[in-house]
Amino acid sequence: MKFSNETGISEFLLLGLTEDPALQPLIFSLFLSMYLVTVLGNLLIILAVSSVPHLHTAMYFFLCCLSFNDIAYTTCTIPQMLVNIQTEDQTITCTGFLTQVSFVIVVKLACSDTLLNNILVYVVTSMLGGVPLLGIIYSYIKIISSILRISSSGGKHKAFSTCGSHLSVISLFFGTAFGVYISSAFTDSTRKTAIASLMYTVVPQMLNPFIYSLRNRDMKEALRKLIRTSPFL
């Protein structure tokens, strides 16, 4: 009979943003507010587009997909973070960990050589992030060239104002995302990386409803109709 030592892992420890107890209530309130705004704002967009027939077009269909993706993306991590902060317990169950790992690749925890994994991450990131970014840049080059042909200065100002809000969120998302992935190869400061990661996993998802609803005449009208007809709003 052979004897062996086996240790079962039932939970993992999360790093967290800070270990200062005085900052925990502030961080909890901040991220709870951001999460509620993200969920409610994107949910209103989905309900508004679904309830107004003339918004059943390809553009608003993809806007609904973006809103659903924003809700799901933030729900993967923020609720667990809030629970950990509130309970002052940084552990996560294996089931919860594996659920998150289905959406986020946690490579630094591997015990074996992760060279191939890192190469795969960079290739996939370049394809899924780089190609859309190039498409966005090309689209805005065409948009800006069209805006410059507008004779009215008021029309130019309105067009640039709308594009500026879009570009600010796009720059925030892609800039911090690429920065995190590139810096991870040169720095071991996991806490700084975690803070930077929040800038593309939470903030853009919260801002998208304001950009795509408050700056869109059809969306504002649809939201007014939804609020007037809904018994809950």
C-alpha atoms as a PDB file:
ATOM      1  CA  MET A   1       0.000   0.000   0.000  1.00  0.00           C
ATOM      2  CA  LYS A   2       1.336   3.396  -0.994  1.00  0.00           C
ATOM      3  CA  PHE A   3       0.823   6.444   1.182  1.00  0.00           C
ATOM      4  CA  SER A   4       0.676   9.937  -0.240  1.00  0.00           C
ATOM      5  CA  ASN A   5       0.091  13.437   1.044  1.00  0.00           C
ATOM      6  CA  GLU A   6      -2.853  15.159  -0.614  1.00  0.00           C
ATOM      7  CA  THR A   7      -4.126  18.616   0.238  1.00  0.00           C
ATOM      8  CA  GLY A   8      -7.508  19.701  -1.037  1.00  0.00           C
ATOM      9  CA  ILE A   9      -7.963  23.382  -1.874  1.00  0.00           C
ATOM     10  CA  SER A  10     -11.442  24.614  -0.988  1.00  0.00           C
ATOM     11  CA  GLU A  11     -10.956  28.368  -1.429  1.00  0.00           C
ATOM     12  CA  PHE A  12      -8.653  31.058  -2.807  1.00  0.00           C
ATOM     13  CA  LEU A  13      -7.533  34.415  -1.421  1.00  0.00           C
ATOM     14  CA  LEU A  14      -8.222  37.610  -3.366  1.00  0.00           C
ATOM     15  CA  LEU A  15      -5.687  40.422  -3.265  1.00  0.00           C
ATOM     16  CA  GLY A  16      -8.091  43.350  -2.902  1.00  0.00           C
ATOM     17  CA  LEU A  17      -7.407  47.026  -3.593  1.00  0.00           C
ATOM     18  CA  THR A  18      -6.179  48.044  -0.166  1.00  0.00           C
ATOM     19  CA  GLU A  19      -5.596  46.606   3.267  1.00  0.00           C
ATOM     20  CA  ASP A  20      -6.453  49.852   5.073  1.00  0.00           C
ATOM     21  CA  PRO A  21      -9.677  49.220   7.088  1.00  0.00           C
ATOM     22  CA  ALA A  22     -10.532  52.918   7.076  1.00  0.00           C
ATOM     23  CA  LEU A  23     -10.837  52.945   3.277  1.00  0.00           C
ATOM     24  CA  GLN A  24     -13.030  49.839   3.011  1.00  0.00           C
ATOM     25  CA  PRO A  25     -16.414  51.626   3.574  1.00  0.00           C
ATOM     26  CA  LEU A  26     -15.498  54.277   1.006  1.00  0.00           C
ATOM     27  CA  ILE A  27     -14.466  51.668  -1.565  1.00  0.00           C
ATOM     28  CA  PHE A  28     -17.622  49.639  -0.879  1.00  0.00           C
ATOM     29  CA  SER A  29     -19.909  52.678  -1.355  1.00  0.00           C
ATOM     30  CA  LEU A  30     -18.056  53.758  -4.487  1.00  0.00           C
ATOM     31  CA  PHE A  31     -18.220  50.414  -6.260  1.00  0.00           C
ATOM     32  CA  LEU A  32     -21.772  49.682  -5.137  1.00  0.00           C
ATOM     33  CA  SER A  33     -22.881  53.001  -6.639  1.00  0.00           C
ATOM     34  CA  MET A  34     -20.972  52.374  -9.856  1.00  0.00           C
ATOM     35  CA  TYR A  35     -22.392  48.858 -10.160  1.00  0.00           C
ATOM     36  CA  LEU A  36     -25.986  50.011  -9.594  1.00  0.00           C
ATOM     37  CA  VAL A  37     -25.619  52.815 -12.142  1.00  0.00           C
ATOM     38  CA  THR A  38     -24.131  50.367 -14.653  1.00  0.00           C
ATOM     39  CA  VAL A  39     -26.875  47.768 -14.248  1.00  0.00           C
ATOM     40  CA  LEU A  40     -29.816  50.189 -14.113  1.00  0.00           C
ATOM     41  CA  GLY A  41     -28.538  52.376 -16.944  1.00  0.00           C
ATOM     42  CA  ASN A  42     -27.870  49.510 -19.340  1.00  0.00           C
ATOM     43  CA  LEU A  43     -31.097  47.767 -18.346  1.00  0.00           C
ATOM     44  CA  LEU A  44     -33.066  50.909 -19.180  1.00  0.00           C
ATOM     45  CA  ILE A  45     -31.464  50.984 -22.632  1.00  0.00           C
ATOM     46  CA  ILE A  46     -32.471  47.359 -23.270  1.00  0.00           C
ATOM     47  CA  LEU A  47     -36.045  47.984 -22.085  1.00  0.00           C
ATOM     48  CA  ALA A  48     -36.368  51.214 -24.071  1.00  0.00           C
ATOM     49  CA  VAL A  49     -35.160  49.673 -27.332  1.00  0.00           C
ATOM     50  CA  SER A  50     -37.334  46.585 -26.814  1.00  0.00           C
ATOM     51  CA  SER A  51     -40.494  48.599 -26.131  1.00  0.00           C
ATOM     52  CA  VAL A  52     -40.266  51.109 -29.004  1.00  0.00           C
ATOM     53  CA  PRO A  53     -40.907  49.519 -32.451  1.00  0.00           C
ATOM     54  CA  HIS A  54     -39.104  52.143 -34.541  1.00  0.00           C
ATOM     55  CA  LEU A  55     -35.872  51.378 -32.644  1.00  0.00           C
ATOM     56  CA  HIS A  56     -35.889  47.777 -33.837  1.00  0.00           C
ATOM     57  CA  THR A  57     -33.002  48.372 -36.223  1.00  0.00           C
ATOM     58  CA  ALA A  58     -29.509  46.931 -36.527  1.00  0.00           C
ATOM     59  CA  MET A  59     -27.840  49.867 -34.762  1.00  0.00           C
ATOM     60  CA  TYR A  60     -30.034  49.636 -31.670  1.00  0.00           C
ATOM     61  CA  PHE A  61     -29.858  45.840 -31.696  1.00  0.00           C
ATOM     62  CA  PHE A  62     -26.083  46.077 -31.314  1.00  0.00           C
ATOM     63  CA  LEU A  63     -26.556  48.775 -28.661  1.00  0.00           C
ATOM     64  CA  CYS A  64     -28.697  46.288 -26.702  1.00  0.00           C
ATOM     65  CA  CYS A  65     -25.959  43.671 -27.116  1.00  0.00           C
ATOM     66  CA  LEU A  66     -23.410  46.175 -25.781  1.00  0.00           C
ATOM     67  CA  SER A  67     -25.638  46.958 -22.785  1.00  0.00           C
ATOM     68  CA  PHE A  68     -26.156  43.266 -22.017  1.00  0.00           C
ATOM     69  CA  ASN A  69     -22.421  42.658 -22.300  1.00  0.00           C
ATOM     70  CA  ASP A  70     -21.700  45.568 -19.929  1.00  0.00           C
ATOM     71  CA  ILE A  71     -24.092  44.153 -17.326  1.00  0.00           C
ATOM     72  CA  ALA A  72     -22.678  40.638 -17.587  1.00  0.00           C
ATOM     73  CA  TYR A  73     -19.066  41.820 -17.625  1.00  0.00           C
ATOM     74  CA  THR A  74     -19.320  43.838 -14.429  1.00  0.00           C
ATOM     75  CA  THR A  75     -21.456  41.200 -12.712  1.00  0.00           C
ATOM     76  CA  CYS A  76     -18.621  38.694 -13.099  1.00  0.00           C
ATOM     77  CA  THR A  77     -16.434  40.501 -10.580  1.00  0.00           C
ATOM     78  CA  ILE A  78     -18.040  43.458  -8.774  1.00  0.00           C
ATOM     79  CA  PRO A  79     -20.622  41.580  -6.624  1.00  0.00           C
ATOM     80  CA  GLN A  80     -17.914  39.252  -5.296  1.00  0.00           C
ATOM     81  CA  MET A  81     -15.731  42.264  -4.548  1.00  0.00           C
ATOM     82  CA  LEU A  82     -18.572  43.926  -2.615  1.00  0.00           C
ATOM     83  CA  VAL A  83     -19.197  40.769  -0.598  1.00  0.00           C
ATOM     84  CA  ASN A  84     -15.521  40.490   0.277  1.00  0.00           C
ATOM     85  CA  ILE A  85     -15.331  44.117   1.378  1.00  0.00           C
ATOM     86  CA  GLN A  86     -18.524  43.948   3.442  1.00  0.00           C
ATOM     87  CA  THR A  87     -17.632  40.708   5.201  1.00  0.00           C
ATOM     88  CA  GLU A  88     -13.935  41.619   5.517  1.00  0.00           C
ATOM     89  CA  ASP A  89     -13.174  38.209   4.088  1.00  0.00           C
ATOM     90  CA  GLN A  90     -10.943  38.005   1.007  1.00  0.00           C
ATOM     91  CA  THR A  91     -11.613  34.334   0.264  1.00  0.00           C
ATOM     92  CA  ILE A  92     -13.519  32.999  -2.727  1.00  0.00           C
ATOM     93  CA  THR A  93     -14.836  29.471  -3.148  1.00  0.00           C
ATOM     94  CA  CYS A  94     -13.458  27.153  -5.798  1.00  0.00           C
ATOM     95  CA  THR A  95     -16.791  27.291  -7.612  1.00  0.00           C
ATOM     96  CA  GLY A  96     -16.763  31.087  -7.639  1.00  0.00           C
ATOM     97  CA  PHE A  97     -13.135  31.132  -8.667  1.00  0.00           C
ATOM     98  CA  LEU A  98     -13.722  28.746 -11.581  1.00  0.00           C
ATOM     99  CA  THR A  99     -16.738  30.803 -12.654  1.00  0.00           C
ATOM    100  CA  GLN A 100     -14.630  33.944 -12.833  1.00  0.00           C
ATOM    101  CA  VAL A 101     -11.763  32.109 -14.483  1.00  0.00           C
ATOM    102  CA  SER A 102     -14.173  31.134 -17.276  1.00  0.00           C
ATOM    103  CA  PHE A 103     -14.228  34.809 -18.266  1.00  0.00           C
ATOM    104  CA  VAL A 104     -10.791  36.003 -17.120  1.00  0.00           C
ATOM    105  CA  ILE A 105      -7.526  34.169 -17.765  1.00  0.00           C
ATOM    106  CA  VAL A 106      -5.738  34.077 -13.756  1.00  0.00           C
ATOM    107  CA  VAL A 107      -2.169  32.804 -15.507  1.00  0.00           C
ATOM    108  CA  LYS A 108       0.131  34.003 -12.763  1.00  0.00           C
ATOM    109  CA  LEU A 109      -1.361  31.370 -10.439  1.00  0.00           C
ATOM    110  CA  ALA A 110      -0.148  28.507 -12.599  1.00  0.00           C
ATOM    111  CA  CYS A 111       2.690  26.364 -11.262  1.00  0.00           C
ATOM    112  CA  SER A 112       4.118  25.384 -14.652  1.00  0.00           C
ATOM    113  CA  ASP A 113       5.735  27.414 -17.418  1.00  0.00           C
ATOM    114  CA  THR A 114       3.227  29.984 -18.719  1.00  0.00           C
ATOM    115  CA  LEU A 115       5.161  31.142 -21.805  1.00  0.00           C
ATOM    116  CA  LEU A 116       2.701  29.587 -24.263  1.00  0.00           C
ATOM    117  CA  ASN A 117      -0.233  30.892 -22.229  1.00  0.00           C
ATOM    118  CA  ASN A 118       1.173  34.419 -22.299  1.00  0.00           C
ATOM    119  CA  ILE A 119       1.778  34.205 -26.050  1.00  0.00           C
ATOM    120  CA  LEU A 120      -1.824  33.058 -26.528  1.00  0.00           C
ATOM    121  CA  VAL A 121      -3.105  35.920 -24.373  1.00  0.00           C
ATOM    122  CA  TYR A 122      -1.188  38.505 -26.395  1.00  0.00           C
ATOM    123  CA  VAL A 123      -2.269  37.008 -29.732  1.00  0.00           C
ATOM    124  CA  VAL A 124      -5.928  36.837 -28.741  1.00  0.00           C
ATOM    125  CA  THR A 125      -5.773  40.332 -27.246  1.00  0.00           C
ATOM    126  CA  SER A 126      -4.257  41.681 -30.451  1.00  0.00           C
ATOM    127  CA  MET A 127      -6.960  40.037 -32.546  1.00  0.00           C
ATOM    128  CA  LEU A 128      -9.963  40.876 -30.350  1.00  0.00           C
ATOM    129  CA  GLY A 129      -8.675  44.281 -29.274  1.00  0.00           C
ATOM    130  CA  GLY A 130      -6.357  45.446 -32.037  1.00  0.00           C
ATOM    131  CA  VAL A 131      -8.612  44.712 -35.004  1.00  0.00           C
ATOM    132  CA  PRO A 132     -11.666  46.524 -33.546  1.00  0.00           C
ATOM    133  CA  LEU A 133      -9.406  49.422 -32.535  1.00  0.00           C
ATOM    134  CA  LEU A 134      -8.113  49.763 -36.095  1.00  0.00           C
ATOM    135  CA  GLY A 135     -11.699  49.685 -37.348  1.00  0.00           C
ATOM    136  CA  ILE A 136     -12.684  52.415 -34.874  1.00  0.00           C
ATOM    137  CA  ILE A 137      -9.723  54.582 -35.873  1.00  0.00           C
ATOM    138  CA  TYR A 138     -10.572  54.198 -39.576  1.00  0.00           C
ATOM    139  CA  SER A 139     -14.241  55.000 -38.898  1.00  0.00           C
ATOM    140  CA  TYR A 140     -13.391  58.158 -36.986  1.00  0.00           C
ATOM    141  CA  ILE A 141     -10.999  59.303 -39.690  1.00  0.00           C
ATOM    142  CA  LYS A 142     -13.911  59.116 -42.130  1.00  0.00           C
ATOM    143  CA  ILE A 143     -16.247  60.799 -39.620  1.00  0.00           C
ATOM    144  CA  ILE A 144     -13.844  63.661 -38.943  1.00  0.00           C
ATOM    145  CA  SER A 145     -13.277  64.207 -42.669  1.00  0.00           C
ATOM    146  CA  SER A 146     -17.062  64.441 -43.111  1.00  0.00           C
ATOM    147  CA  ILE A 147     -17.411  66.841 -40.173  1.00  0.00           C
ATOM    148  CA  LEU A 148     -14.759  69.145 -41.605  1.00  0.00           C
ATOM    149  CA  ARG A 149     -16.871  69.493 -44.750  1.00  0.00           C
ATOM    150  CA  ILE A 150     -19.804  70.873 -42.725  1.00  0.00           C
ATOM    151  CA  SER A 151     -20.184  74.588 -43.458  1.00  0.00           C
ATOM    152  CA  SER A 152     -21.975  75.522 -40.227  1.00  0.00           C
ATOM    153  CA  SER A 153     -19.722  76.116 -37.212  1.00  0.00           C
ATOM    154  CA  GLY A 154     -22.567  75.115 -34.887  1.00  0.00           C
ATOM    155  CA  GLY A 155     -22.946  71.821 -36.717  1.00  0.00           C
ATOM    156  CA  LYS A 156     -19.221  71.155 -36.446  1.00  0.00           C
ATOM    157  CA  HIS A 157     -19.242  71.901 -32.720  1.00  0.00           C
ATOM    158  CA  LYS A 158     -22.203  69.567 -32.082  1.00  0.00           C
ATOM    159  CA  ALA A 159     -20.646  66.758 -34.129  1.00  0.00           C
ATOM    160  CA  PHE A 160     -17.254  67.082 -32.431  1.00  0.00           C
ATOM    161  CA  SER A 161     -18.926  67.179 -29.020  1.00  0.00           C
ATOM    162  CA  THR A 162     -20.698  63.877 -29.692  1.00  0.00           C
ATOM    163  CA  CYS A 163     -17.585  62.218 -31.117  1.00  0.00           C
ATOM    164  CA  GLY A 164     -15.453  63.514 -28.247  1.00  0.00           C
ATOM    165  CA  SER A 165     -17.504  61.683 -25.616  1.00  0.00           C
ATOM    166  CA  HIS A 166     -17.319  58.462 -27.615  1.00  0.00           C
ATOM    167  CA  LEU A 167     -13.579  58.772 -28.121  1.00  0.00           C
ATOM    168  CA  SER A 168     -12.934  59.501 -24.444  1.00  0.00           C
ATOM    169  CA  VAL A 169     -14.557  56.229 -23.347  1.00  0.00           C
ATOM    170  CA  ILE A 170     -12.909  54.270 -26.159  1.00  0.00           C
ATOM    171  CA  SER A 171      -9.504  55.709 -25.217  1.00  0.00           C
ATOM    172  CA  LEU A 172     -10.098  54.888 -21.558  1.00  0.00           C
ATOM    173  CA  PHE A 173     -11.058  51.285 -22.353  1.00  0.00           C
ATOM    174  CA  PHE A 174      -8.382  50.430 -24.900  1.00  0.00           C
ATOM    175  CA  GLY A 175      -5.656  52.560 -23.299  1.00  0.00           C
ATOM    176  CA  THR A 176      -5.914  51.021 -19.843  1.00  0.00           C
ATOM    177  CA  ALA A 177      -6.574  47.514 -21.206  1.00  0.00           C
ATOM    178  CA  PHE A 178      -3.472  47.512 -23.386  1.00  0.00           C
ATOM    179  CA  GLY A 179      -1.504  49.205 -20.617  1.00  0.00           C
ATOM    180  CA  VAL A 180      -2.391  46.457 -18.138  1.00  0.00           C
ATOM    181  CA  TYR A 181      -1.517  43.623 -20.498  1.00  0.00           C
ATOM    182  CA  ILE A 182       1.739  45.209 -21.638  1.00  0.00           C
ATOM    183  CA  SER A 183       2.859  46.302 -18.161  1.00  0.00           C
ATOM    184  CA  SER A 184       2.158  42.838 -16.726  1.00  0.00           C
ATOM    185  CA  ALA A 185       5.182  41.583 -18.625  1.00  0.00           C
ATOM    186  CA  PHE A 186       7.484  44.138 -16.966  1.00  0.00           C
ATOM    187  CA  THR A 187       6.122  44.694 -13.453  1.00  0.00           C
ATOM    188  CA  ASP A 188       5.157  42.505 -10.517  1.00  0.00           C
ATOM    189  CA  SER A 189       2.964  45.122  -8.825  1.00  0.00           C
ATOM    190  CA  THR A 190      -0.269  43.151  -8.845  1.00  0.00           C
ATOM    191  CA  ARG A 191      -2.103  45.742  -6.741  1.00  0.00           C
ATOM    192  CA  LYS A 192      -1.375  48.540  -9.221  1.00  0.00           C
ATOM    193  CA  THR A 193      -2.416  46.239 -12.057  1.00  0.00           C
ATOM    194  CA  ALA A 194      -5.686  45.492 -10.261  1.00  0.00           C
ATOM    195  CA  ILE A 195      -6.432  49.197  -9.829  1.00  0.00           C
ATOM    196  CA  ALA A 196      -5.668  49.887 -13.492  1.00  0.00           C
ATOM    197  CA  SER A 197      -7.854  46.949 -14.534  1.00  0.00           C
ATOM    198  CA  LEU A 198     -10.858  48.599 -12.898  1.00  0.00           C
ATOM    199  CA  MET A 199     -10.525  51.477 -15.345  1.00  0.00           C
ATOM    200  CA  TYR A 200     -11.550  49.248 -18.244  1.00  0.00           C
ATOM    201  CA  THR A 201     -13.754  46.706 -16.443  1.00  0.00           C
ATOM    202  CA  VAL A 202     -16.004  49.148 -14.549  1.00  0.00           C
ATOM    203  CA  VAL A 203     -15.783  52.790 -15.665  1.00  0.00           C
ATOM    204  CA  PRO A 204     -16.550  52.467 -19.429  1.00  0.00           C
ATOM    205  CA  GLN A 205     -19.487  50.147 -18.700  1.00  0.00           C
ATOM    206  CA  MET A 206     -20.919  52.781 -16.363  1.00  0.00           C
ATOM    207  CA  LEU A 207     -20.442  55.654 -18.827  1.00  0.00           C
ATOM    208  CA  ASN A 208     -21.856  53.896 -21.908  1.00  0.00           C
ATOM    209  CA  PRO A 209     -25.551  54.365 -20.962  1.00  0.00           C
ATOM    210  CA  PHE A 210     -25.056  58.121 -20.572  1.00  0.00           C
ATOM    211  CA  ILE A 211     -23.213  58.451 -23.875  1.00  0.00           C
ATOM    212  CA  TYR A 212     -25.570  56.328 -25.959  1.00  0.00           C
ATOM    213  CA  SER A 213     -28.824  57.583 -24.405  1.00  0.00           C
ATOM    214  CA  LEU A 214     -28.437  61.195 -23.296  1.00  0.00           C
ATOM    215  CA  ARG A 215     -26.736  62.143 -26.576  1.00  0.00           C
ATOM    216  CA  ASN A 216     -29.234  60.324 -28.786  1.00  0.00           C
ATOM    217  CA  ARG A 217     -32.569  61.982 -29.556  1.00  0.00           C
ATOM    218  CA  ASP A 218     -34.369  58.711 -30.355  1.00  0.00           C
ATOM    219  CA  MET A 219     -33.100  57.062 -27.181  1.00  0.00           C
ATOM    220  CA  LYS A 220     -34.151  60.018 -25.014  1.00  0.00           C
ATOM    221  CA  GLU A 221     -37.652  59.905 -26.495  1.00  0.00           C
ATOM    222  CA  ALA A 222     -37.831  56.138 -25.985  1.00  0.00           C
ATOM    223  CA  LEU A 223     -36.769  56.515 -22.343  1.00  0.00           C
ATOM    224  CA  ARG A 224     -39.449  59.176 -21.785  1.00  0.00           C
ATOM    225  CA  LYS A 225     -42.114  56.845 -23.184  1.00  0.00           C
ATOM    226  CA  LEU A 226     -40.823  53.974 -21.076  1.00  0.00           C
ATOM    227  CA  ILE A 227     -40.928  56.065 -17.890  1.00  0.00           C
ATOM    228  CA  ARG A 228     -44.436  57.381 -18.660  1.00  0.00           C
ATOM    229  CA  THR A 229     -45.901  53.944 -19.386  1.00  0.00           C
ATOM    230  CA  SER A 230     -44.106  51.865 -16.759  1.00  0.00           C
ATOM    231  CA  PRO A 231     -45.900  51.484 -13.389  1.00  0.00           C
ATOM    232  CA  PHE A 232     -42.538  50.892 -11.668  1.00  0.00           C
ATOM    233  CA  LEU A 233     -40.659  53.980 -12.933  1.00  0.00           C
END
